[in-house]
Amino acid sequence: MILPIYGYGEAVLRKQCEVVAQDYSNLNEVIANMYETMNNAHGVGLAAPQIGMAIRVFIVDTEPFSDSDDISKEEAAELKAFKQTFINAKILKEEGDLWTFNEGCLSIPDVREDVLRHDTITIEYYDENFNKKKEVYSGLIARVIQHEYDHIEGILFTDHISTLKRKLISKKLNNIKDGKAFPDYRMKFANKKGR
């Protein structure tokens, strides 16, 4: 089921999310709905708070990035194949070079800003079958994971930009709160009923 995406200003986007028990009711359905919602909005990641659930679950599918002309064939193949569910994730290490990438967010439509992040992460998590994993990721995959991981910590990508840049986009952010954003997917706005 395609769900509305919660927009900037919704309280759930600022919550530190709760750990998910293995017997969590309807978890598979929640995850399936998240993939359907993300794909409908043409996203590369989605975290549970973005559908109004303060639980430590996020999904990543970097396939849309595989079409970029700026990457090697090997990287394109890796991005095309990467699709993963992360439950109760914990980033253990962020390392490597800091690099900038122009990020956006389904909860903050029509706003994009350059964000500085580490190139490589080590992350521990459970997959959708509750198998525990520990992986090292780098490049765009690591970046998307860091962005989604921030969501389950109550952090938005706009928190990583300068105060001046935040001030410059404050009108756009307030418009999102007030429901004056018109992406081609359903949203729930802080100060207005969703459409």
N, C-alpha and C. Protein backbone atom coordinates (compact mmCIF):
# COMPACT_ATOMS: atom_id res chain seq x y z
N MET A 1 0.83 -1.18 0.00
CA MET A 1 0.00 0.00 0.00
C MET A 1 0.88 1.25 0.00
N ILE A 2 0.57 2.19 -0.86
CA ILE A 2 1.31 3.45 -0.92
C ILE A 2 0.81 4.37 0.18
N LEU A 3 1.72 4.79 1.03
CA LEU A 3 1.37 5.62 2.18
C LEU A 3 1.80 7.07 1.95
N PRO A 4 1.17 8.02 2.64
CA PRO A 4 1.63 9.41 2.53
C PRO A 4 2.98 9.58 3.24
N ILE A 5 3.82 10.40 2.67
CA ILE A 5 5.13 10.67 3.26
C ILE A 5 5.01 11.91 4.15
N TYR A 6 5.51 11.78 5.37
CA TYR A 6 5.42 12.87 6.34
C TYR A 6 6.42 13.96 5.97
N GLY A 7 5.92 15.20 5.93
CA GLY A 7 6.74 16.33 5.51
C GLY A 7 7.46 17.02 6.65
N TYR A 8 8.43 17.82 6.26
CA TYR A 8 9.21 18.64 7.19
C TYR A 8 8.28 19.33 8.18
N GLY A 9 8.62 19.27 9.45
CA GLY A 9 7.81 19.89 10.49
C GLY A 9 6.98 18.88 11.27
N GLU A 10 6.78 17.69 10.71
CA GLU A 10 6.05 16.65 11.44
C GLU A 10 6.93 16.16 12.60
N ALA A 11 6.35 16.08 13.79
CA ALA A 11 7.11 15.76 15.01
C ALA A 11 7.84 14.41 14.92
N VAL A 12 7.24 13.42 14.25
CA VAL A 12 7.84 12.09 14.18
C VAL A 12 9.22 12.11 13.51
N LEU A 13 9.47 13.10 12.65
CA LEU A 13 10.76 13.18 11.96
C LEU A 13 11.89 13.62 12.89
N ARG A 14 11.54 14.08 14.09
CA ARG A 14 12.55 14.52 15.05
C ARG A 14 12.71 13.55 16.21
N LYS A 15 12.04 12.40 16.13
CA LYS A 15 12.11 11.43 17.23
C LYS A 15 13.28 10.48 17.07
N GLN A 16 13.90 10.15 18.20
CA GLN A 16 14.88 9.07 18.23
C GLN A 16 14.04 7.79 18.21
N CYS A 17 14.19 6.99 17.17
CA CYS A 17 13.29 5.86 16.96
C CYS A 17 13.58 4.68 17.89
N GLU A 18 12.54 3.88 18.12
CA GLU A 18 12.62 2.74 19.03
C GLU A 18 13.10 1.48 18.32
N VAL A 19 13.80 0.65 19.10
CA VAL A 19 14.28 -0.65 18.62
C VAL A 19 13.07 -1.53 18.29
N VAL A 20 13.19 -2.31 17.23
CA VAL A 20 12.12 -3.18 16.77
C VAL A 20 12.35 -4.60 17.29
N ALA A 21 11.34 -5.17 17.95
CA ALA A 21 11.43 -6.56 18.42
C ALA A 21 11.20 -7.49 17.24
N GLN A 22 11.77 -8.67 17.32
CA GLN A 22 11.65 -9.65 16.23
C GLN A 22 10.19 -10.03 15.97
N ASP A 23 9.35 -9.97 17.01
CA ASP A 23 7.95 -10.34 16.85
C ASP A 23 7.05 -9.12 16.59
N TYR A 24 7.64 -8.02 16.13
CA TYR A 24 6.88 -6.80 15.85
C TYR A 24 5.74 -7.12 14.88
N SER A 25 4.56 -6.71 15.24
CA SER A 25 3.36 -7.02 14.46
C SER A 25 3.41 -6.43 13.05
N ASN A 26 3.16 -7.25 12.06
CA ASN A 26 3.06 -6.83 10.65
C ASN A 26 4.33 -6.18 10.10
N LEU A 27 5.50 -6.54 10.61
CA LEU A 27 6.73 -5.90 10.14
C LEU A 27 6.93 -6.10 8.64
N ASN A 28 6.67 -7.31 8.15
CA ASN A 28 6.85 -7.56 6.71
C ASN A 28 5.93 -6.67 5.88
N GLU A 29 4.72 -6.44 6.36
CA GLU A 29 3.77 -5.58 5.66
C GLU A 29 4.26 -4.12 5.69
N VAL A 30 4.78 -3.70 6.84
CA VAL A 30 5.33 -2.34 6.95
C VAL A 30 6.45 -2.14 5.93
N ILE A 31 7.36 -3.11 5.85
CA ILE A 31 8.50 -3.02 4.93
C ILE A 31 8.02 -3.01 3.48
N ALA A 32 7.07 -3.88 3.15
CA ALA A 32 6.53 -3.92 1.79
C ALA A 32 5.88 -2.58 1.43
N ASN A 33 5.14 -2.00 2.37
CA ASN A 33 4.51 -0.69 2.14
C ASN A 33 5.57 0.40 1.96
N MET A 34 6.66 0.30 2.70
CA MET A 34 7.73 1.28 2.57
C MET A 34 8.35 1.23 1.17
N TYR A 35 8.62 0.01 0.67
CA TYR A 35 9.19 -0.12 -0.69
C TYR A 35 8.22 0.44 -1.72
N GLU A 36 6.94 0.11 -1.58
CA GLU A 36 5.94 0.60 -2.54
C GLU A 36 5.85 2.12 -2.50
N THR A 37 5.88 2.69 -1.30
CA THR A 37 5.80 4.14 -1.12
C THR A 37 7.04 4.82 -1.70
N MET A 38 8.22 4.27 -1.41
CA MET A 38 9.48 4.83 -1.91
C MET A 38 9.52 4.79 -3.44
N ASN A 39 9.15 3.64 -4.02
CA ASN A 39 9.19 3.50 -5.48
C ASN A 39 8.21 4.44 -6.15
N ASN A 40 7.04 4.60 -5.56
CA ASN A 40 6.03 5.50 -6.11
C ASN A 40 6.54 6.94 -6.14
N ALA A 41 7.37 7.30 -5.15
CA ALA A 41 7.91 8.67 -5.05
C ALA A 41 9.27 8.80 -5.75
N HIS A 42 9.74 7.73 -6.39
CA HIS A 42 11.02 7.72 -7.10
C HIS A 42 12.19 8.04 -6.17
N GLY A 43 12.16 7.48 -4.96
CA GLY A 43 13.23 7.70 -4.00
C GLY A 43 14.28 6.61 -4.07
N VAL A 44 15.39 6.83 -3.35
CA VAL A 44 16.44 5.82 -3.24
C VAL A 44 16.56 5.29 -1.81
N GLY A 45 15.74 5.85 -0.92
CA GLY A 45 15.73 5.40 0.47
C GLY A 45 14.50 5.95 1.16
N LEU A 46 14.09 5.27 2.22
CA LEU A 46 12.95 5.72 3.01
C LEU A 46 13.09 5.14 4.41
N ALA A 47 12.85 5.97 5.42
CA ALA A 47 12.93 5.53 6.81
C ALA A 47 11.52 5.52 7.40
N ALA A 48 11.31 4.64 8.38
CA ALA A 48 9.98 4.48 8.99
C ALA A 48 9.37 5.79 9.49
N PRO A 49 10.15 6.71 10.10
CA PRO A 49 9.52 7.95 10.54
C PRO A 49 8.89 8.74 9.38
N GLN A 50 9.37 8.53 8.17
CA GLN A 50 8.82 9.24 7.02
C GLN A 50 7.42 8.74 6.65
N ILE A 51 7.01 7.60 7.22
CA ILE A 51 5.63 7.15 7.05
C ILE A 51 4.91 7.18 8.41
N GLY A 52 5.49 7.94 9.34
CA GLY A 52 4.83 8.19 10.63
C GLY A 52 5.08 7.17 11.71
N MET A 53 6.08 6.30 11.52
CA MET A 53 6.37 5.25 12.51
C MET A 53 7.75 5.48 13.12
N ALA A 54 7.80 5.67 14.43
CA ALA A 54 9.06 5.96 15.12
C ALA A 54 9.78 4.67 15.51
N ILE A 55 10.10 3.86 14.49
CA ILE A 55 10.82 2.60 14.71
C ILE A 55 12.10 2.59 13.87
N ARG A 56 13.08 1.80 14.32
CA ARG A 56 14.40 1.80 13.69
C ARG A 56 14.43 0.87 12.46
N VAL A 57 13.74 1.32 11.41
CA VAL A 57 13.70 0.58 10.15
C VAL A 57 13.90 1.58 9.01
N PHE A 58 14.79 1.24 8.08
CA PHE A 58 14.87 2.02 6.84
C PHE A 58 15.25 1.10 5.69
N ILE A 59 14.95 1.56 4.50
CA ILE A 59 15.22 0.78 3.29
C ILE A 59 16.04 1.62 2.33
N VAL A 60 16.83 0.94 1.50
CA VAL A 60 17.67 1.62 0.51
C VAL A 60 17.61 0.83 -0.79
N ASP A 61 17.44 1.54 -1.90
CA ASP A 61 17.51 0.94 -3.23
C ASP A 61 18.17 1.97 -4.13
N THR A 62 19.47 1.77 -4.42
CA THR A 62 20.25 2.78 -5.16
C THR A 62 20.17 2.63 -6.67
N GLU A 63 19.32 1.75 -7.15
CA GLU A 63 19.21 1.50 -8.59
C GLU A 63 19.03 2.80 -9.42
N PRO A 64 18.21 3.77 -8.97
CA PRO A 64 18.07 5.00 -9.77
C PRO A 64 19.39 5.75 -10.00
N PHE A 65 20.35 5.61 -9.11
CA PHE A 65 21.64 6.28 -9.28
C PHE A 65 22.52 5.60 -10.34
N SER A 66 22.17 4.39 -10.75
CA SER A 66 23.03 3.62 -11.66
C SER A 66 23.06 4.20 -13.08
N ASP A 67 22.13 5.12 -13.39
CA ASP A 67 22.07 5.72 -14.73
C ASP A 67 22.99 6.92 -14.91
N SER A 68 23.66 7.33 -13.85
CA SER A 68 24.50 8.54 -13.91
C SER A 68 25.67 8.36 -14.88
N ASP A 69 25.98 9.43 -15.61
CA ASP A 69 27.12 9.40 -16.53
C ASP A 69 28.45 9.61 -15.81
N ASP A 70 28.38 10.02 -14.53
CA ASP A 70 29.60 10.38 -13.79
C ASP A 70 30.26 9.21 -13.08
N ILE A 71 29.77 7.98 -13.31
CA ILE A 71 30.31 6.84 -12.56
C ILE A 71 30.81 5.75 -13.51
N SER A 72 31.67 4.90 -12.96
CA SER A 72 32.23 3.80 -13.74
C SER A 72 31.19 2.70 -13.95
N LYS A 73 31.45 1.81 -14.89
CA LYS A 73 30.54 0.68 -15.15
C LYS A 73 30.42 -0.20 -13.91
N GLU A 74 31.54 -0.38 -13.19
CA GLU A 74 31.53 -1.21 -11.99
C GLU A 74 30.64 -0.61 -10.92
N GLU A 75 30.78 0.72 -10.72
CA GLU A 75 29.97 1.40 -9.71
C GLU A 75 28.49 1.38 -10.12
N ALA A 76 28.23 1.56 -11.42
CA ALA A 76 26.85 1.52 -11.91
C ALA A 76 26.22 0.16 -11.64
N ALA A 77 26.98 -0.90 -11.87
CA ALA A 77 26.46 -2.26 -11.63
C ALA A 77 26.18 -2.48 -10.15
N GLU A 78 27.08 -1.97 -9.29
CA GLU A 78 26.90 -2.10 -7.84
C GLU A 78 25.66 -1.34 -7.37
N LEU A 79 25.48 -0.11 -7.88
CA LEU A 79 24.33 0.69 -7.50
C LEU A 79 23.03 0.06 -8.00
N LYS A 80 23.06 -0.50 -9.20
CA LYS A 80 21.86 -1.11 -9.79
C LYS A 80 21.40 -2.30 -8.97
N ALA A 81 22.36 -3.03 -8.38
CA ALA A 81 22.04 -4.27 -7.66
C ALA A 81 21.74 -4.06 -6.17
N PHE A 82 22.02 -2.86 -5.63
CA PHE A 82 21.92 -2.70 -4.19
C PHE A 82 20.51 -2.34 -3.74
N LYS A 83 19.94 -3.25 -2.97
CA LYS A 83 18.60 -3.06 -2.39
C LYS A 83 18.63 -3.77 -1.04
N GLN A 84 18.41 -3.01 0.05
CA GLN A 84 18.56 -3.62 1.37
C GLN A 84 17.62 -2.99 2.39
N THR A 85 17.14 -3.84 3.29
CA THR A 85 16.34 -3.41 4.43
C THR A 85 17.24 -3.41 5.66
N PHE A 86 17.16 -2.35 6.45
CA PHE A 86 17.98 -2.21 7.66
C PHE A 86 17.06 -2.09 8.87
N ILE A 87 17.19 -3.02 9.81
CA ILE A 87 16.40 -3.00 11.04
C ILE A 87 17.37 -2.87 12.22
N ASN A 88 17.05 -1.96 13.14
CA ASN A 88 17.88 -1.73 14.34
C ASN A 88 19.34 -1.48 14.00
N ALA A 89 19.56 -0.70 12.96
CA ALA A 89 20.92 -0.43 12.50
C ALA A 89 21.69 0.42 13.50
N LYS A 90 23.01 0.18 13.50
CA LYS A 90 23.92 1.01 14.30
C LYS A 90 25.18 1.22 13.47
N ILE A 91 25.46 2.48 13.14
CA ILE A 91 26.71 2.78 12.44
C ILE A 91 27.84 2.72 13.47
N LEU A 92 28.78 1.83 13.23
CA LEU A 92 29.89 1.61 14.17
C LEU A 92 31.06 2.53 13.88
N LYS A 93 31.23 2.88 12.58
CA LYS A 93 32.38 3.69 12.20
C LYS A 93 32.07 4.48 10.93
N GLU A 94 32.48 5.74 10.91
CA GLU A 94 32.46 6.56 9.69
C GLU A 94 33.90 6.97 9.46
N GLU A 95 34.41 6.70 8.26
CA GLU A 95 35.83 6.99 8.01
C GLU A 95 36.04 7.31 6.54
N GLY A 96 37.30 7.53 6.19
CA GLY A 96 37.62 7.88 4.81
C GLY A 96 37.46 9.36 4.57
N ASP A 97 37.59 9.74 3.30
CA ASP A 97 37.51 11.15 2.93
C ASP A 97 36.12 11.70 3.17
N LEU A 98 36.07 12.99 3.52
CA LEU A 98 34.81 13.71 3.57
C LEU A 98 34.54 14.20 2.16
N TRP A 99 33.33 14.03 1.66
CA TRP A 99 33.00 14.52 0.32
C TRP A 99 31.59 15.07 0.29
N THR A 100 31.38 15.96 -0.65
CA THR A 100 30.12 16.68 -0.76
C THR A 100 29.28 16.07 -1.85
N PHE A 101 27.98 16.01 -1.59
CA PHE A 101 27.02 15.53 -2.59
C PHE A 101 25.74 16.31 -2.39
N ASN A 102 25.07 16.62 -3.47
CA ASN A 102 23.83 17.38 -3.42
C ASN A 102 22.68 16.45 -3.04
N GLU A 103 22.21 16.56 -1.79
CA GLU A 103 21.19 15.66 -1.27
C GLU A 103 19.80 16.29 -1.30
N GLY A 104 18.81 15.43 -1.40
CA GLY A 104 17.42 15.82 -1.28
C GLY A 104 16.74 14.82 -0.37
N CYS A 105 15.45 15.01 -0.12
CA CYS A 105 14.73 14.12 0.79
C CYS A 105 13.25 14.14 0.42
N LEU A 106 12.62 12.97 0.42
CA LEU A 106 11.19 12.89 0.08
C LEU A 106 10.34 13.68 1.06
N SER A 107 10.81 13.85 2.30
CA SER A 107 10.07 14.63 3.31
C SER A 107 10.27 16.14 3.15
N ILE A 108 11.24 16.51 2.30
CA ILE A 108 11.56 17.93 2.09
C ILE A 108 11.61 18.17 0.58
N PRO A 109 10.45 18.06 -0.10
CA PRO A 109 10.46 18.15 -1.57
C PRO A 109 10.95 19.50 -2.07
N ASP A 110 11.61 19.43 -3.23
CA ASP A 110 12.09 20.63 -3.94
C ASP A 110 13.16 21.41 -3.18
N VAL A 111 13.82 20.76 -2.24
CA VAL A 111 14.95 21.38 -1.54
C VAL A 111 16.14 20.44 -1.69
N ARG A 112 17.23 20.97 -2.20
CA ARG A 112 18.46 20.18 -2.35
C ARG A 112 19.62 21.04 -1.85
N GLU A 113 20.54 20.41 -1.12
CA GLU A 113 21.71 21.14 -0.61
C GLU A 113 22.92 20.21 -0.59
N ASP A 114 24.10 20.80 -0.71
CA ASP A 114 25.34 20.03 -0.61
C ASP A 114 25.57 19.65 0.84
N VAL A 115 25.83 18.35 1.05
CA VAL A 115 26.06 17.82 2.40
C VAL A 115 27.39 17.09 2.40
N LEU A 116 28.17 17.33 3.44
CA LEU A 116 29.48 16.71 3.63
C LEU A 116 29.33 15.45 4.48
N ARG A 117 29.80 14.32 3.97
CA ARG A 117 29.75 13.06 4.73
C ARG A 117 31.03 12.26 4.47
N HIS A 118 31.30 11.32 5.39
CA HIS A 118 32.43 10.41 5.21
C HIS A 118 32.14 9.43 4.08
N ASP A 119 33.19 8.98 3.42
CA ASP A 119 33.08 8.09 2.27
C ASP A 119 32.71 6.66 2.65
N THR A 120 33.15 6.20 3.82
CA THR A 120 33.02 4.78 4.17
C THR A 120 32.40 4.62 5.56
N ILE A 121 31.51 3.64 5.66
CA ILE A 121 30.89 3.34 6.96
C ILE A 121 30.97 1.85 7.25
N THR A 122 30.97 1.53 8.54
CA THR A 122 30.78 0.16 9.01
C THR A 122 29.47 0.18 9.77
N ILE A 123 28.57 -0.72 9.40
CA ILE A 123 27.23 -0.72 9.99
C ILE A 123 26.83 -2.13 10.40
N GLU A 124 26.17 -2.20 11.54
CA GLU A 124 25.63 -3.47 12.04
C GLU A 124 24.10 -3.33 12.00
N TYR A 125 23.41 -4.36 11.54
CA TYR A 125 21.95 -4.28 11.42
C TYR A 125 21.37 -5.68 11.28
N TYR A 126 20.04 -5.74 11.31
CA TYR A 126 19.32 -6.97 11.01
C TYR A 126 18.62 -6.78 9.67
N ASP A 127 18.62 -7.83 8.85
CA ASP A 127 17.87 -7.74 7.59
C ASP A 127 16.40 -8.07 7.85
N GLU A 128 15.59 -8.15 6.81
CA GLU A 128 14.15 -8.36 6.97
C GLU A 128 13.81 -9.72 7.58
N ASN A 129 14.77 -10.66 7.55
CA ASN A 129 14.56 -11.98 8.17
C ASN A 129 15.18 -12.06 9.56
N PHE A 130 15.59 -10.91 10.07
CA PHE A 130 16.25 -10.78 11.38
C PHE A 130 17.56 -11.56 11.46
N ASN A 131 18.28 -11.61 10.33
CA ASN A 131 19.65 -12.12 10.33
C ASN A 131 20.55 -10.93 10.63
N LYS A 132 21.44 -11.11 11.62
CA LYS A 132 22.34 -10.02 12.00
C LYS A 132 23.48 -9.92 11.00
N LYS A 133 23.80 -8.69 10.59
CA LYS A 133 24.86 -8.48 9.61
C LYS A 133 25.77 -7.34 10.06
N LYS A 134 27.00 -7.40 9.60
CA LYS A 134 27.94 -6.30 9.81
C LYS A 134 28.64 -6.09 8.47
N GLU A 135 28.47 -4.90 7.91
CA GLU A 135 28.97 -4.64 6.56
C GLU A 135 29.74 -3.33 6.51
N VAL A 136 30.60 -3.23 5.49
CA VAL A 136 31.30 -1.98 5.19
C VAL A 136 30.81 -1.52 3.82
N TYR A 137 30.39 -0.27 3.75
CA TYR A 137 29.92 0.31 2.49
C TYR A 137 30.66 1.60 2.23
N SER A 138 30.79 1.96 0.95
CA SER A 138 31.43 3.23 0.61
C SER A 138 30.71 3.89 -0.56
N GLY A 139 31.12 5.12 -0.84
CA GLY A 139 30.56 5.84 -1.97
C GLY A 139 29.10 6.21 -1.78
N LEU A 140 28.35 6.19 -2.89
CA LEU A 140 26.94 6.60 -2.86
C LEU A 140 26.09 5.70 -1.97
N ILE A 141 26.41 4.41 -1.93
CA ILE A 141 25.64 3.50 -1.07
C ILE A 141 25.80 3.93 0.38
N ALA A 142 27.03 4.20 0.80
CA ALA A 142 27.28 4.65 2.18
C ALA A 142 26.53 5.95 2.46
N ARG A 143 26.53 6.85 1.49
CA ARG A 143 25.87 8.15 1.67
C ARG A 143 24.37 7.98 1.88
N VAL A 144 23.72 7.16 1.05
CA VAL A 144 22.28 6.97 1.18
C VAL A 144 21.97 6.32 2.54
N ILE A 145 22.80 5.35 2.94
CA ILE A 145 22.60 4.71 4.25
C ILE A 145 22.73 5.74 5.36
N GLN A 146 23.75 6.60 5.30
CA GLN A 146 23.93 7.63 6.33
C GLN A 146 22.74 8.57 6.40
N HIS A 147 22.22 8.95 5.24
CA HIS A 147 21.06 9.84 5.18
C HIS A 147 19.85 9.18 5.85
N GLU A 148 19.59 7.91 5.51
CA GLU A 148 18.44 7.20 6.09
C GLU A 148 18.65 6.91 7.57
N TYR A 149 19.88 6.58 7.94
CA TYR A 149 20.21 6.33 9.35
C TYR A 149 19.94 7.59 10.18
N ASP A 150 20.30 8.74 9.63
CA ASP A 150 20.00 10.01 10.32
C ASP A 150 18.52 10.10 10.67
N HIS A 151 17.65 9.66 9.74
CA HIS A 151 16.20 9.74 9.99
C HIS A 151 15.80 8.99 11.26
N ILE A 152 16.38 7.81 11.49
CA ILE A 152 15.97 7.04 12.68
C ILE A 152 16.58 7.62 13.96
N GLU A 153 17.49 8.59 13.79
CA GLU A 153 18.08 9.31 14.92
C GLU A 153 17.41 10.67 15.11
N GLY A 154 16.42 10.99 14.27
CA GLY A 154 15.72 12.28 14.37
C GLY A 154 16.47 13.43 13.72
N ILE A 155 17.36 13.10 12.79
CA ILE A 155 18.19 14.11 12.12
C ILE A 155 17.79 14.21 10.65
N LEU A 156 17.72 15.43 10.13
CA LEU A 156 17.41 15.65 8.71
C LEU A 156 18.65 16.18 8.00
N PHE A 157 18.71 16.02 6.68
CA PHE A 157 19.91 16.46 5.96
C PHE A 157 20.12 17.97 6.09
N THR A 158 19.04 18.71 6.33
CA THR A 158 19.17 20.16 6.51
C THR A 158 19.91 20.52 7.80
N ASP A 159 20.03 19.57 8.72
CA ASP A 159 20.79 19.80 9.95
C ASP A 159 22.30 19.83 9.67
N HIS A 160 22.71 19.32 8.51
CA HIS A 160 24.13 19.24 8.17
C HIS A 160 24.61 20.46 7.38
N ILE A 161 23.72 21.40 7.10
CA ILE A 161 24.14 22.57 6.32
C ILE A 161 24.31 23.77 7.26
N SER A 162 24.94 24.80 6.75
CA SER A 162 25.25 25.97 7.59
C SER A 162 23.97 26.71 7.99
N THR A 163 24.08 27.47 9.07
CA THR A 163 22.97 28.28 9.55
C THR A 163 22.51 29.25 8.46
N LEU A 164 23.46 29.81 7.74
CA LEU A 164 23.14 30.75 6.67
C LEU A 164 22.30 30.05 5.58
N LYS A 165 22.74 28.88 5.15
CA LYS A 165 21.98 28.15 4.12
C LYS A 165 20.59 27.78 4.62
N ARG A 166 20.50 27.40 5.89
CA ARG A 166 19.18 27.07 6.47
C ARG A 166 18.28 28.29 6.45
N LYS A 167 18.88 29.43 6.73
CA LYS A 167 18.10 30.68 6.73
C LYS A 167 17.60 30.98 5.31
N LEU A 168 18.45 30.73 4.32
CA LEU A 168 18.09 31.00 2.93
C LEU A 168 16.95 30.10 2.43
N ILE A 169 16.84 28.90 3.00
CA ILE A 169 15.77 27.98 2.56
C ILE A 169 14.60 27.94 3.54
N SER A 170 14.63 28.81 4.56
CA SER A 170 13.59 28.76 5.61
C SER A 170 12.18 28.96 5.06
N LYS A 171 12.04 29.80 4.05
CA LYS A 171 10.70 30.03 3.46
C LYS A 171 10.19 28.74 2.82
N LYS A 172 11.07 28.04 2.09
CA LYS A 172 10.68 26.76 1.47
C LYS A 172 10.28 25.75 2.54
N LEU A 173 11.05 25.70 3.63
CA LEU A 173 10.76 24.75 4.71
C LEU A 173 9.42 25.08 5.37
N ASN A 174 9.17 26.36 5.59
CA ASN A 174 7.88 26.77 6.18
C ASN A 174 6.72 26.46 5.24
N ASN A 175 6.95 26.61 3.93
CA ASN A 175 5.91 26.26 2.96
C ASN A 175 5.57 24.77 3.02
N ILE A 176 6.59 23.93 3.22
CA ILE A 176 6.34 22.49 3.34
C ILE A 176 5.49 22.22 4.58
N LYS A 177 5.85 22.84 5.70
CA LYS A 177 5.05 22.69 6.93
C LYS A 177 3.59 23.04 6.69
N ASP A 178 3.37 24.10 5.90
CA ASP A 178 2.02 24.62 5.67
C ASP A 178 1.29 23.92 4.52
N GLY A 179 1.94 22.89 3.94
CA GLY A 179 1.28 22.15 2.87
C GLY A 179 1.36 22.82 1.52
N LYS A 180 2.29 23.76 1.38
CA LYS A 180 2.44 24.46 0.10
C LYS A 180 3.60 23.85 -0.68
N ALA A 181 3.60 22.54 -0.75
CA ALA A 181 4.57 21.79 -1.55
C ALA A 181 3.74 20.82 -2.39
N PHE A 182 4.15 20.62 -3.64
CA PHE A 182 3.31 19.84 -4.54
C PHE A 182 4.09 18.78 -5.31
N PRO A 183 4.71 17.84 -4.57
CA PRO A 183 5.40 16.75 -5.27
C PRO A 183 4.36 15.83 -5.91
N ASP A 184 4.82 14.91 -6.75
CA ASP A 184 3.88 14.01 -7.43
C ASP A 184 3.61 12.74 -6.61
N TYR A 185 3.65 12.87 -5.29
CA TYR A 185 3.30 11.77 -4.38
C TYR A 185 2.55 12.37 -3.19
N ARG A 186 1.79 11.53 -2.50
CA ARG A 186 0.99 11.99 -1.36
C ARG A 186 1.88 12.34 -0.18
N MET A 187 1.50 13.41 0.51
CA MET A 187 2.24 13.82 1.70
C MET A 187 1.29 14.16 2.83
N LYS A 188 1.82 14.10 4.04
CA LYS A 188 1.12 14.56 5.23
C LYS A 188 1.93 15.73 5.76
N PHE A 189 1.29 16.87 5.91
CA PHE A 189 1.98 18.10 6.30
C PHE A 189 1.69 18.45 7.74
N ALA A 190 2.65 19.09 8.41
CA ALA A 190 2.52 19.42 9.83
C ALA A 190 1.34 20.33 10.12
N ASN A 191 1.13 21.35 9.29
CA ASN A 191 0.09 22.34 9.58
C ASN A 191 -1.12 22.24 8.66
N LYS A 192 -1.25 21.13 7.94
CA LYS A 192 -2.36 20.98 7.01
C LYS A 192 -2.60 19.48 6.79
N LYS A 193 -3.83 19.10 6.56
CA LYS A 193 -4.12 17.70 6.26
C LYS A 193 -3.47 17.34 4.92
N GLY A 194 -3.00 16.08 4.83
CA GLY A 194 -2.33 15.61 3.60
C GLY A 194 -3.25 15.63 2.39
N ARG A 195 -2.64 15.50 1.22
CA ARG A 195 -3.45 15.49 0.01
C ARG A 195 -3.28 14.16 -0.70
